[in-house]
C-alpha atoms as a PDB file:
ATOM      1  CA  MET A   1     -52.680 -38.516 -62.715  1.00  0.00           C
ATOM      2  CA  SER A   2     -50.183 -38.122 -59.916  1.00  0.00           C
ATOM      3  CA  THR A   3     -47.423 -35.621 -59.971  1.00  0.00           C
ATOM      4  CA  SER A   4     -44.192 -35.891 -58.138  1.00  0.00           C
ATOM      5  CA  PRO A   5     -43.636 -33.243 -55.496  1.00  0.00           C
ATOM      6  CA  VAL A   6     -41.493 -30.354 -56.497  1.00  0.00           C
ATOM      7  CA  PRO A   7     -38.198 -30.723 -54.693  1.00  0.00           C
ATOM      8  CA  SER A   8     -37.461 -27.921 -52.254  1.00  0.00           C
ATOM      9  CA  PRO A   9     -34.414 -25.845 -53.048  1.00  0.00           C
ATOM     10  CA  PRO A  10     -31.297 -26.829 -51.162  1.00  0.00           C
ATOM     11  CA  ALA A  11     -30.699 -24.920 -47.957  1.00  0.00           C
ATOM     12  CA  GLU A  12     -28.177 -22.189 -48.367  1.00  0.00           C
ATOM     13  CA  PRO A  13     -25.121 -22.480 -46.178  1.00  0.00           C
ATOM     14  CA  PRO A  14     -25.177 -20.093 -43.242  1.00  0.00           C
ATOM     15  CA  THR A  15     -23.489 -16.829 -43.987  1.00  0.00           C
ATOM     16  CA  GLY A  16     -21.230 -14.917 -41.686  1.00  0.00           C
ATOM     17  CA  LYS A  17     -18.601 -16.006 -39.226  1.00  0.00           C
ATOM     18  CA  PRO A  18     -19.485 -17.937 -36.087  1.00  0.00           C
ATOM     19  CA  PRO A  19     -19.664 -15.798 -32.956  1.00  0.00           C
ATOM     20  CA  MET A  20     -16.442 -15.324 -31.058  1.00  0.00           C
ATOM     21  CA  SER A  21     -16.079 -17.629 -28.078  1.00  0.00           C
ATOM     22  CA  ASN A  22     -16.045 -16.222 -24.577  1.00  0.00           C
ATOM     23  CA  LEU A  23     -12.435 -17.325 -24.094  1.00  0.00           C
ATOM     24  CA  ALA A  24     -11.348 -15.555 -27.278  1.00  0.00           C
ATOM     25  CA  GLN A  25     -13.150 -12.405 -26.191  1.00  0.00           C
ATOM     26  CA  ARG A  26     -11.470 -12.526 -22.791  1.00  0.00           C
ATOM     27  CA  ILE A  27      -8.028 -12.914 -24.362  1.00  0.00           C
ATOM     28  CA  ILE A  28      -8.412 -10.236 -27.045  1.00  0.00           C
ATOM     29  CA  PHE A  29     -10.059  -7.573 -24.924  1.00  0.00           C
ATOM     30  CA  GLY A  30      -7.835  -8.446 -21.976  1.00  0.00           C
ATOM     31  CA  LEU A  31      -4.728  -7.792 -24.090  1.00  0.00           C
ATOM     32  CA  ILE A  32      -6.158  -4.528 -25.421  1.00  0.00           C
ATOM     33  CA  GLY A  33      -7.059  -3.377 -21.918  1.00  0.00           C
ATOM     34  CA  ALA A  34      -3.653  -4.357 -20.533  1.00  0.00           C
ATOM     35  CA  ALA A  35      -1.874  -2.488 -23.348  1.00  0.00           C
ATOM     36  CA  LEU A  36      -3.881   0.685 -22.684  1.00  0.00           C
ATOM     37  CA  LEU A  37      -3.338   0.380 -18.938  1.00  0.00           C
ATOM     38  CA  LEU A  38       0.401  -0.292 -18.988  1.00  0.00           C
ATOM     39  CA  GLY A  39       1.069   2.158 -21.820  1.00  0.00           C
ATOM     40  CA  SER A  40      -0.723   5.042 -20.101  1.00  0.00           C
ATOM     41  CA  VAL A  41       1.011   4.333 -16.791  1.00  0.00           C
ATOM     42  CA  TRP A  42       4.458   4.103 -18.379  1.00  0.00           C
ATOM     43  CA  TYR A  43       4.254   7.103 -20.731  1.00  0.00           C
ATOM     44  CA  SER A  44       3.744  10.016 -18.341  1.00  0.00           C
ATOM     45  CA  ALA A  45       1.935  11.326 -15.295  1.00  0.00           C
ATOM     46  CA  TRP A  46      -0.772  13.019 -17.355  1.00  0.00           C
ATOM     47  CA  THR A  47      -1.582   9.882 -19.386  1.00  0.00           C
ATOM     48  CA  PHE A  48      -1.773   7.931 -16.129  1.00  0.00           C
ATOM     49  CA  ALA A  49      -4.127  10.553 -14.703  1.00  0.00           C
ATOM     50  CA  LEU A  50      -6.232  10.714 -17.867  1.00  0.00           C
ATOM     51  CA  PHE A  51      -6.616   6.934 -18.012  1.00  0.00           C
ATOM     52  CA  PHE A  52      -7.658   6.492 -14.395  1.00  0.00           C
ATOM     53  CA  ALA A  53      -9.850   9.598 -14.375  1.00  0.00           C
ATOM     54  CA  VAL A  54     -11.882   8.006 -17.166  1.00  0.00           C
ATOM     55  CA  VAL A  55     -11.767   4.589 -15.476  1.00  0.00           C
ATOM     56  CA  GLN A  56     -13.103   5.873 -12.148  1.00  0.00           C
ATOM     57  CA  MET A  57     -15.876   7.836 -13.898  1.00  0.00           C
ATOM     58  CA  ARG A  58     -16.953   4.689 -15.725  1.00  0.00           C
ATOM     59  CA  MET A  59     -16.789   2.674 -12.496  1.00  0.00           C
ATOM     60  CA  LEU A  60     -18.989   5.239 -10.779  1.00  0.00           C
ATOM     61  CA  TRP A  61     -21.471   5.137 -13.672  1.00  0.00           C
ATOM     62  CA  GLU A  62     -21.644   1.335 -13.339  1.00  0.00           C
ATOM     63  CA  PHE A  63     -22.301   1.674  -9.606  1.00  0.00           C
ATOM     64  CA  TYR A  64     -25.102   4.168 -10.226  1.00  0.00           C
ATOM     65  CA  ARG A  65     -26.547   1.942 -12.955  1.00  0.00           C
ATOM     66  CA  MET A  66     -26.791  -0.953 -10.503  1.00  0.00           C
ATOM     67  CA  MET A  67     -28.447   1.329  -7.956  1.00  0.00           C
ATOM     68  CA  ARG A  68     -31.024   2.347 -10.543  1.00  0.00           C
ATOM     69  CA  GLU A  69     -31.935  -1.327 -10.870  1.00  0.00           C
ATOM     70  CA  VAL A  70     -33.470  -1.174  -7.380  1.00  0.00           C
ATOM     71  CA  GLY A  71     -35.195   2.176  -7.754  1.00  0.00           C
ATOM     72  CA  TYR A  72     -32.617   4.825  -6.808  1.00  0.00           C
ATOM     73  CA  LYS A  73     -31.989   7.864  -9.012  1.00  0.00           C
ATOM     74  CA  PRO A  74     -28.527   9.083  -7.973  1.00  0.00           C
ATOM     75  CA  GLY A  75     -27.714  11.287 -10.996  1.00  0.00           C
ATOM     76  CA  ALA A  76     -24.859   9.792 -13.001  1.00  0.00           C
ATOM     77  CA  ILE A  77     -23.941  12.961 -14.927  1.00  0.00           C
ATOM     78  CA  LEU A  78     -23.662  15.167 -11.848  1.00  0.00           C
ATOM     79  CA  GLY A  79     -21.914  12.437  -9.857  1.00  0.00           C
ATOM     80  CA  GLY A  80     -19.457  11.782 -12.684  1.00  0.00           C
ATOM     81  CA  SER A  81     -18.630  15.482 -12.973  1.00  0.00           C
ATOM     82  CA  ILE A  82     -17.989  15.745  -9.234  1.00  0.00           C
ATOM     83  CA  SER A  83     -15.875  12.587  -9.317  1.00  0.00           C
ATOM     84  CA  LEU A  84     -13.693  14.133 -12.004  1.00  0.00           C
ATOM     85  CA  LEU A  85     -13.176  17.253  -9.894  1.00  0.00           C
ATOM     86  CA  ILE A  86     -12.198  15.108  -6.906  1.00  0.00           C
ATOM     87  CA  PHE A  87      -9.730  13.108  -8.996  1.00  0.00           C
ATOM     88  CA  VAL A  88      -8.141  16.262 -10.424  1.00  0.00           C
ATOM     89  CA  GLY A  89      -7.905  17.798  -6.953  1.00  0.00           C
ATOM     90  CA  VAL A  90      -6.146  14.764  -5.472  1.00  0.00           C
ATOM     91  CA  TYR A  91      -3.882  14.603  -8.544  1.00  0.00           C
ATOM     92  CA  ALA A  92      -2.865  18.252  -8.098  1.00  0.00           C
ATOM     93  CA  LEU A  93      -2.178  17.730  -4.405  1.00  0.00           C
ATOM     94  CA  SER A  94      -0.142  14.592  -5.037  1.00  0.00           C
ATOM     95  CA  GLN A  95       1.829  16.262  -7.813  1.00  0.00           C
ATOM     96  CA  ALA A  96       2.609  19.263  -5.627  1.00  0.00           C
ATOM     97  CA  LEU A  97       3.680  17.059  -2.724  1.00  0.00           C
ATOM     98  CA  GLY A  98       5.901  15.083  -5.087  1.00  0.00           C
ATOM     99  CA  VAL A  99       7.955  18.143  -6.123  1.00  0.00           C
ATOM    100  CA  ASP A 100      11.510  18.161  -4.814  1.00  0.00           C
ATOM    101  CA  THR A 101      11.690  21.342  -2.722  1.00  0.00           C
ATOM    102  CA  ASP A 102      15.416  21.153  -2.006  1.00  0.00           C
ATOM    103  CA  THR A 103      16.486  22.719  -5.326  1.00  0.00           C
ATOM    104  CA  SER A 104      15.600  26.351  -4.693  1.00  0.00           C
ATOM    105  CA  GLY A 105      13.447  28.710  -2.694  1.00  0.00           C
ATOM    106  CA  PHE A 106      11.419  29.431  -5.832  1.00  0.00           C
ATOM    107  CA  HIS A 107      10.317  25.811  -6.035  1.00  0.00           C
ATOM    108  CA  THR A 108       9.293  25.977  -2.405  1.00  0.00           C
ATOM    109  CA  LEU A 109       7.086  29.008  -3.083  1.00  0.00           C
ATOM    110  CA  VAL A 110       5.514  27.321  -6.095  1.00  0.00           C
ATOM    111  CA  LEU A 111       4.876  24.184  -4.040  1.00  0.00           C
ATOM    112  CA  VAL A 112       3.167  26.137  -1.268  1.00  0.00           C
ATOM    113  CA  GLY A 113       1.004  27.967  -3.785  1.00  0.00           C
ATOM    114  CA  ASP A 114       0.025  24.768  -5.591  1.00  0.00           C
ATOM    115  CA  LEU A 115      -0.823  23.039  -2.343  1.00  0.00           C
ATOM    116  CA  ARG A 116      -2.958  25.948  -1.177  1.00  0.00           C
ATOM    117  CA  VAL A 117      -4.941  26.165  -4.430  1.00  0.00           C
ATOM    118  CA  ALA A 118      -5.422  22.401  -4.781  1.00  0.00           C
ATOM    119  CA  GLY A 119      -6.311  21.979  -1.117  1.00  0.00           C
ATOM    120  CA  GLN A 120      -8.814  24.835  -1.139  1.00  0.00           C
ATOM    121  CA  ALA A 121     -10.456  23.542  -4.316  1.00  0.00           C
ATOM    122  CA  LEU A 122     -10.754  20.001  -2.981  1.00  0.00           C
ATOM    123  CA  LEU A 123     -12.070  21.195   0.380  1.00  0.00           C
ATOM    124  CA  GLY A 124     -14.627  23.390  -1.359  1.00  0.00           C
ATOM    125  CA  ILE A 125     -15.910  20.468  -3.417  1.00  0.00           C
ATOM    126  CA  ILE A 126     -16.257  18.269  -0.331  1.00  0.00           C
ATOM    127  CA  LEU A 127     -18.051  20.957   1.712  1.00  0.00           C
ATOM    128  CA  LEU A 128     -20.493  21.865  -1.061  1.00  0.00           C
ATOM    129  CA  LEU A 129     -21.120  18.310  -2.216  1.00  0.00           C
ATOM    130  CA  PRO A 130     -24.189  17.542  -0.020  1.00  0.00           C
ATOM    131  CA  ILE A 131     -25.732  20.917  -0.865  1.00  0.00           C
ATOM    132  CA  ILE A 132     -25.272  20.367  -4.603  1.00  0.00           C
ATOM    133  CA  LEU A 133     -26.865  16.923  -4.466  1.00  0.00           C
ATOM    134  CA  ILE A 134     -29.791  18.132  -2.323  1.00  0.00           C
ATOM    135  CA  LEU A 135     -30.413  21.045  -4.705  1.00  0.00           C
ATOM    136  CA  ARG A 136     -30.627  18.539  -7.533  1.00  0.00           C
ATOM    137  CA  GLU A 137     -33.368  16.660  -5.688  1.00  0.00           C
ATOM    138  CA  MET A 138     -35.222  19.893  -4.939  1.00  0.00           C
ATOM    139  CA  ALA A 139     -35.161  20.871  -8.609  1.00  0.00           C
ATOM    140  CA  ALA A 140     -36.581  17.491  -9.646  1.00  0.00           C
ATOM    141  CA  TRP A 141     -39.166  17.172  -6.848  1.00  0.00           C
ATOM    142  CA  PRO A 142     -41.665  15.549  -7.082  1.00  0.00           C
ATOM    143  CA  ARG A 143     -40.404  12.819  -9.376  1.00  0.00           C
ATOM    144  CA  GLU A 144     -42.762  10.598 -11.312  1.00  0.00           C
ATOM    145  CA  ASN A 145     -42.828   6.993 -10.140  1.00  0.00           C
ATOM    146  CA  GLN A 146     -40.521   7.909  -7.260  1.00  0.00           C
ATOM    147  CA  GLN A 147     -40.746   5.078  -4.745  1.00  0.00           C
ATOM    148  CA  LEU A 148     -37.882   6.223  -2.553  1.00  0.00           C
ATOM    149  CA  ALA A 149     -37.388   9.425  -0.598  1.00  0.00           C
ATOM    150  CA  PRO A 150     -35.228  12.089  -2.304  1.00  0.00           C
ATOM    151  CA  PHE A 151     -32.604  11.945   0.442  1.00  0.00           C
ATOM    152  CA  ALA A 152     -32.088   8.258  -0.388  1.00  0.00           C
ATOM    153  CA  ASN A 153     -30.869   9.400  -3.812  1.00  0.00           C
ATOM    154  CA  VAL A 154     -28.510  11.857  -2.128  1.00  0.00           C
ATOM    155  CA  GLY A 155     -27.189   9.077   0.105  1.00  0.00           C
ATOM    156  CA  VAL A 156     -26.573   6.737  -2.823  1.00  0.00           C
ATOM    157  CA  ALA A 157     -24.855   9.485  -4.814  1.00  0.00           C
ATOM    158  CA  LEU A 158     -22.559  10.239  -1.864  1.00  0.00           C
ATOM    159  CA  LEU A 159     -21.906   6.544  -1.293  1.00  0.00           C
ATOM    160  CA  GLY A 160     -20.796   6.108  -4.896  1.00  0.00           C
ATOM    161  CA  LEU A 161     -18.328   8.969  -4.579  1.00  0.00           C
ATOM    162  CA  LEU A 162     -16.970   7.607  -1.284  1.00  0.00           C
ATOM    163  CA  TYR A 163     -16.935   3.961  -2.347  1.00  0.00           C
ATOM    164  CA  VAL A 164     -15.616   4.378  -5.906  1.00  0.00           C
ATOM    165  CA  SER A 165     -14.299   7.822  -6.831  1.00  0.00           C
ATOM    166  CA  LEU A 166     -12.386   8.812  -3.693  1.00  0.00           C
ATOM    167  CA  PRO A 167     -10.462   5.488  -3.426  1.00  0.00           C
ATOM    168  CA  MET A 168      -9.571   5.554  -7.123  1.00  0.00           C
ATOM    169  CA  SER A 169      -8.470   9.182  -6.764  1.00  0.00           C
ATOM    170  CA  LEU A 170      -6.064   8.038  -4.054  1.00  0.00           C
ATOM    171  CA  PHE A 171      -4.202   6.152  -6.783  1.00  0.00           C
ATOM    172  CA  ASN A 172      -2.444   9.497  -7.297  1.00  0.00           C
ATOM    173  CA  VAL A 173      -1.067   9.393  -3.741  1.00  0.00           C
ATOM    174  CA  VAL A 174       0.434   5.963  -4.392  1.00  0.00           C
ATOM    175  CA  ALA A 175       1.819   6.948  -7.825  1.00  0.00           C
ATOM    176  CA  PHE A 176       3.740  10.024  -6.624  1.00  0.00           C
ATOM    177  CA  GLY A 177       6.864   9.643  -4.508  1.00  0.00           C
ATOM    178  CA  ASN A 178       9.263  12.200  -3.091  1.00  0.00           C
ATOM    179  CA  GLN A 179      10.683  12.824  -6.563  1.00  0.00           C
ATOM    180  CA  GLY A 180       7.378  13.096  -8.388  1.00  0.00           C
ATOM    181  CA  TYR A 181       5.462  10.623 -10.501  1.00  0.00           C
ATOM    182  CA  ASP A 182       6.998   7.138 -10.592  1.00  0.00           C
ATOM    183  CA  TYR A 183       5.399   4.607 -12.946  1.00  0.00           C
ATOM    184  CA  ARG A 184       7.276   1.809 -11.159  1.00  0.00           C
ATOM    185  CA  ARG A 185       5.061   2.285  -8.108  1.00  0.00           C
ATOM    186  CA  VAL A 186       1.943   1.704 -10.184  1.00  0.00           C
ATOM    187  CA  PHE A 187       3.489  -1.291 -11.934  1.00  0.00           C
ATOM    188  CA  ALA A 188       4.444  -2.728  -8.551  1.00  0.00           C
ATOM    189  CA  LEU A 189       0.874  -2.402  -7.247  1.00  0.00           C
ATOM    190  CA  LEU A 190      -0.544  -3.993 -10.388  1.00  0.00           C
ATOM    191  CA  LEU A 191       1.878  -6.912 -10.057  1.00  0.00           C
ATOM    192  CA  LEU A 192       0.866  -7.418  -6.433  1.00  0.00           C
ATOM    193  CA  VAL A 193      -2.852  -7.411  -7.260  1.00  0.00           C
ATOM    194  CA  TRP A 194      -2.364  -9.797 -10.173  1.00  0.00           C
ATOM    195  CA  SER A 195      -0.251 -12.084  -7.976  1.00  0.00           C
ATOM    196  CA  SER A 196      -3.022 -12.162  -5.409  1.00  0.00           C
ATOM    197  CA  ASP A 197      -5.595 -13.101  -8.058  1.00  0.00           C
ATOM    198  CA  ILE A 198      -3.407 -15.730  -9.732  1.00  0.00           C
ATOM    199  CA  GLY A 199      -2.323 -17.317  -6.452  1.00  0.00           C
ATOM    200  CA  ALA A 200      -5.905 -17.452  -5.171  1.00  0.00           C
ATOM    201  CA  TYR A 201      -7.204 -18.960  -8.410  1.00  0.00           C
ATOM    202  CA  ALA A 202      -4.461 -21.586  -8.679  1.00  0.00           C
ATOM    203  CA  ALA A 203      -4.586 -22.641  -5.025  1.00  0.00           C
ATOM    204  CA  GLY A 204      -8.385 -22.585  -4.978  1.00  0.00           C
ATOM    205  CA  LYS A 205      -8.650 -24.797  -8.048  1.00  0.00           C
ATOM    206  CA  THR A 206      -6.038 -27.218  -6.745  1.00  0.00           C
ATOM    207  CA  PHE A 207      -6.704 -27.408  -3.023  1.00  0.00           C
ATOM    208  CA  GLY A 208      -9.931 -25.477  -2.411  1.00  0.00           C
ATOM    209  CA  LYS A 209     -12.359 -27.229  -0.060  1.00  0.00           C
ATOM    210  CA  HIS A 210     -13.352 -24.768   2.668  1.00  0.00           C
ATOM    211  CA  LYS A 211     -15.596 -21.911   1.530  1.00  0.00           C
ATOM    212  CA  LEU A 212     -14.474 -18.424   2.463  1.00  0.00           C
ATOM    213  CA  ALA A 213     -17.820 -16.588   2.149  1.00  0.00           C
ATOM    214  CA  PRO A 214     -20.334 -18.992   0.606  1.00  0.00           C
ATOM    215  CA  LYS A 215     -23.302 -16.621   0.881  1.00  0.00           C
ATOM    216  CA  ILE A 216     -21.469 -13.889  -1.021  1.00  0.00           C
ATOM    217  CA  SER A 217     -19.081 -15.674  -3.384  1.00  0.00           C
ATOM    218  CA  PRO A 218     -19.375 -19.485  -3.356  1.00  0.00           C
ATOM    219  CA  GLY A 219     -16.272 -19.955  -5.495  1.00  0.00           C
ATOM    220  CA  LYS A 220     -13.806 -18.429  -3.033  1.00  0.00           C
ATOM    221  CA  THR A 221     -12.046 -20.706  -0.559  1.00  0.00           C
ATOM    222  CA  TRP A 222      -9.723 -20.314   2.382  1.00  0.00           C
ATOM    223  CA  GLU A 223      -7.108 -22.368   0.539  1.00  0.00           C
ATOM    224  CA  GLY A 224      -7.289 -19.920  -2.346  1.00  0.00           C
ATOM    225  CA  ALA A 225      -6.952 -16.967   0.008  1.00  0.00           C
ATOM    226  CA  ILE A 226      -3.838 -18.495   1.585  1.00  0.00           C
ATOM    227  CA  GLY A 227      -2.349 -19.219  -1.844  1.00  0.00           C
ATOM    228  CA  GLY A 228      -2.980 -15.648  -2.946  1.00  0.00           C
ATOM    229  CA  PHE A 229      -1.435 -14.322   0.257  1.00  0.00           C
ATOM    230  CA  LEU A 230       1.754 -16.368  -0.138  1.00  0.00           C
ATOM    231  CA  LEU A 231       2.250 -15.517  -3.817  1.00  0.00           C
ATOM    232  CA  THR A 232       1.670 -11.829  -3.086  1.00  0.00           C
ATOM    233  CA  LEU A 233       4.310 -11.898  -0.357  1.00  0.00           C
ATOM    234  CA  ALA A 234       6.713 -13.565  -2.786  1.00  0.00           C
ATOM    235  CA  MET A 235       6.032 -10.819  -5.320  1.00  0.00           C
ATOM    236  CA  GLY A 236       6.595  -8.223  -2.596  1.00  0.00           C
ATOM    237  CA  TRP A 237      10.055  -9.690  -2.045  1.00  0.00           C
ATOM    238  CA  ALA A 238      10.770  -9.807  -5.800  1.00  0.00           C
ATOM    239  CA  LEU A 239       9.801  -6.149  -6.223  1.00  0.00           C
ATOM    240  CA  GLY A 240      13.146  -5.277  -4.672  1.00  0.00           C
ATOM    241  CA  TYR A 241      14.536  -5.584  -8.215  1.00  0.00           C
ATOM    242  CA  LEU A 242      12.026  -2.989  -9.487  1.00  0.00           C
ATOM    243  CA  LEU A 243      12.100  -0.655  -6.478  1.00  0.00           C
ATOM    244  CA  PRO A 244      15.415  -1.235  -4.681  1.00  0.00           C
ATOM    245  CA  GLU A 245      15.055   2.018  -2.715  1.00  0.00           C
ATOM    246  CA  LEU A 246      12.105   0.566  -0.782  1.00  0.00           C
ATOM    247  CA  SER A 247      12.981  -1.554   2.226  1.00  0.00           C
ATOM    248  CA  LEU A 248      12.015  -5.211   2.377  1.00  0.00           C
ATOM    249  CA  ALA A 249       9.850  -4.533   5.445  1.00  0.00           C
ATOM    250  CA  PHE A 250       7.848  -1.858   3.603  1.00  0.00           C
ATOM    251  CA  ARG A 251       7.402  -4.045   0.511  1.00  0.00           C
ATOM    252  CA  LEU A 252       6.148  -6.966   2.596  1.00  0.00           C
ATOM    253  CA  VAL A 253       3.722  -4.739   4.496  1.00  0.00           C
ATOM    254  CA  VAL A 254       2.352  -3.410   1.212  1.00  0.00           C
ATOM    255  CA  ALA A 255       2.076  -6.960  -0.119  1.00  0.00           C
ATOM    256  CA  GLY A 256       0.191  -7.977   3.019  1.00  0.00           C
ATOM    257  CA  VAL A 257      -2.222  -5.059   2.588  1.00  0.00           C
ATOM    258  CA  VAL A 258      -2.899  -6.092  -1.013  1.00  0.00           C
ATOM    259  CA  ALA A 259      -3.325  -9.776  -0.101  1.00  0.00           C
ATOM    260  CA  ILE A 260      -5.833  -9.001   2.674  1.00  0.00           C
ATOM    261  CA  PHE A 261      -7.794  -6.018   1.430  1.00  0.00           C
ATOM    262  CA  GLY A 262      -7.883  -6.990  -2.259  1.00  0.00           C
ATOM    263  CA  PRO A 263     -10.104 -10.057  -1.699  1.00  0.00           C
ATOM    264  CA  LEU A 264     -12.245  -8.037   0.718  1.00  0.00           C
ATOM    265  CA  GLY A 265     -12.843  -5.455  -1.988  1.00  0.00           C
ATOM    266  CA  ASP A 266     -13.797  -8.211  -4.398  1.00  0.00           C
ATOM    267  CA  LEU A 267     -16.222  -9.692  -1.874  1.00  0.00           C
ATOM    268  CA  ALA A 268     -17.790  -6.289  -1.252  1.00  0.00           C
ATOM    269  CA  GLU A 269     -18.528  -5.848  -4.944  1.00  0.00           C
ATOM    270  CA  SER A 270     -19.882  -9.402  -5.170  1.00  0.00           C
ATOM    271  CA  MET A 271     -22.260  -8.588  -2.312  1.00  0.00           C
ATOM    272  CA  LEU A 272     -23.310  -5.415  -4.139  1.00  0.00           C
ATOM    273  CA  LYS A 273     -24.101  -7.317  -7.336  1.00  0.00           C
ATOM    274  CA  ARG A 274     -26.046 -10.006  -5.487  1.00  0.00           C
ATOM    275  CA  SER A 275     -28.068  -7.391  -3.627  1.00  0.00           C
ATOM    276  CA  VAL A 276     -29.276  -5.795  -6.872  1.00  0.00           C
ATOM    277  CA  GLY A 277     -29.524  -9.022  -8.888  1.00  0.00           C
ATOM    278  CA  VAL A 278     -26.910  -8.454 -11.615  1.00  0.00           C
ATOM    279  CA  LYS A 279     -24.123 -10.728 -12.799  1.00  0.00           C
ATOM    280  CA  ASP A 280     -21.665  -8.108 -14.058  1.00  0.00           C
ATOM    281  CA  SER A 281     -21.353  -4.412 -13.295  1.00  0.00           C
ATOM    282  CA  GLY A 282     -21.187  -3.573 -17.007  1.00  0.00           C
ATOM    283  CA  ARG A 283     -20.381  -4.784 -20.503  1.00  0.00           C
ATOM    284  CA  ILE A 284     -17.619  -2.423 -21.567  1.00  0.00           C
ATOM    285  CA  MET A 285     -15.141  -5.331 -21.817  1.00  0.00           C
ATOM    286  CA  PRO A 286     -16.699  -8.394 -23.494  1.00  0.00           C
ATOM    287  CA  GLY A 287     -15.755 -11.503 -21.564  1.00  0.00           C
ATOM    288  CA  HIS A 288     -14.592  -9.443 -18.557  1.00  0.00           C
ATOM    289  CA  GLY A 289     -17.700  -7.577 -17.437  1.00  0.00           C
ATOM    290  CA  GLY A 290     -17.435  -3.964 -16.326  1.00  0.00           C
ATOM    291  CA  LEU A 291     -14.570  -1.875 -15.036  1.00  0.00           C
ATOM    292  CA  LEU A 292     -15.975  -2.071 -11.527  1.00  0.00           C
ATOM    293  CA  ASP A 293     -15.532  -5.849 -11.797  1.00  0.00           C
ATOM    294  CA  ARG A 294     -11.906  -5.389 -12.881  1.00  0.00           C
ATOM    295  CA  PHE A 295     -10.845  -2.791 -10.302  1.00  0.00           C
ATOM    296  CA  ASP A 296     -13.008  -3.705  -7.303  1.00  0.00           C
ATOM    297  CA  ALA A 297      -9.980  -4.845  -5.272  1.00  0.00           C
ATOM    298  CA  PHE A 298      -8.416  -1.378  -5.579  1.00  0.00           C
ATOM    299  CA  LEU A 299     -11.364   0.223  -3.781  1.00  0.00           C
ATOM    300  CA  PHE A 300     -10.211  -1.342  -0.517  1.00  0.00           C
ATOM    301  CA  ILE A 301      -6.481  -1.434  -1.232  1.00  0.00           C
ATOM    302  CA  LEU A 302      -5.855   2.192  -2.235  1.00  0.00           C
ATOM    303  CA  PRO A 303      -7.223   3.933   0.901  1.00  0.00           C
ATOM    304  CA  VAL A 304      -5.108   1.677   3.128  1.00  0.00           C
ATOM    305  CA  LEU A 305      -1.976   2.157   1.004  1.00  0.00           C
ATOM    306  CA  ALA A 306      -2.467   5.941   0.853  1.00  0.00           C
ATOM    307  CA  LEU A 307      -2.763   6.031   4.655  1.00  0.00           C
ATOM    308  CA  LEU A 308       0.270   3.769   4.991  1.00  0.00           C
ATOM    309  CA  GLN A 309       2.322   5.985   2.683  1.00  0.00           C
ATOM    310  CA  LEU A 310       1.375   9.116   4.601  1.00  0.00           C
ATOM    311  CA  ILE A 311       2.318   7.472   7.905  1.00  0.00           C
ATOM    312  CA  TRP A 312       5.471   5.665   6.730  1.00  0.00           C
ATOM    313  CA  GLY A 313       6.707   8.545   4.576  1.00  0.00           C
END
């Protein structure tokens, strides 16, 4: 006697929502990040400083994480703490230099005192920095599974502070003018960097044929670089409506610095990622990678702009 097979129960429909697409993630988290960035810059000097102090610490942590991928042990907690002290020191110096000293002799005395304290603190950190990092290695010596010499860890820790934290700390120099903190200066720099990226992307997609640095970043082209340069210069001219007190010559020089050194900073970080075999520096922003990926251009731009501002006045 044959029996008919028992029918299997119908498959239940999949539960849960489908995963968010990469494009949706980029849009949502990009808008959230832009709101936090622009809001902190616009609100006050201390929110600007708080935002970028956290940003540069995270960027440094991402740099150290990539270095750990190839065997270094640079010490993220100690490095992050030192980076915060450097940022605060440069902030205090920039704030003191931005005080208008023409109002009274009392303000002049306060300015001199602030400069002396901030300068001494920053100088002390810089002078003691190698000693602190070497003492860390001495306390941990010998490390288990240590393939590299302890002074290699010291070198990588110092490199992270010089490559990431010090340039990002110089954002304070750019943000403070003769009358103190000016959010328009930060907005202007952001607009220039974004113009460089947009112009390079649009021109590269449309006209790109000649590779700029194929061994480092195959997607970048000379046509894209020229497009980014031209759009950045155009934005430098347009910034006269935002910062009319700045001369056209100064705005165009700043735009040229951004258009040249921004892509170089991006290429440097691309070389770093290729050398350690990672795609993104981090995952703090889904669809965007890490903060080091987002602010890599500033690492080359800010030192040049800070020097330019000190020279130009």
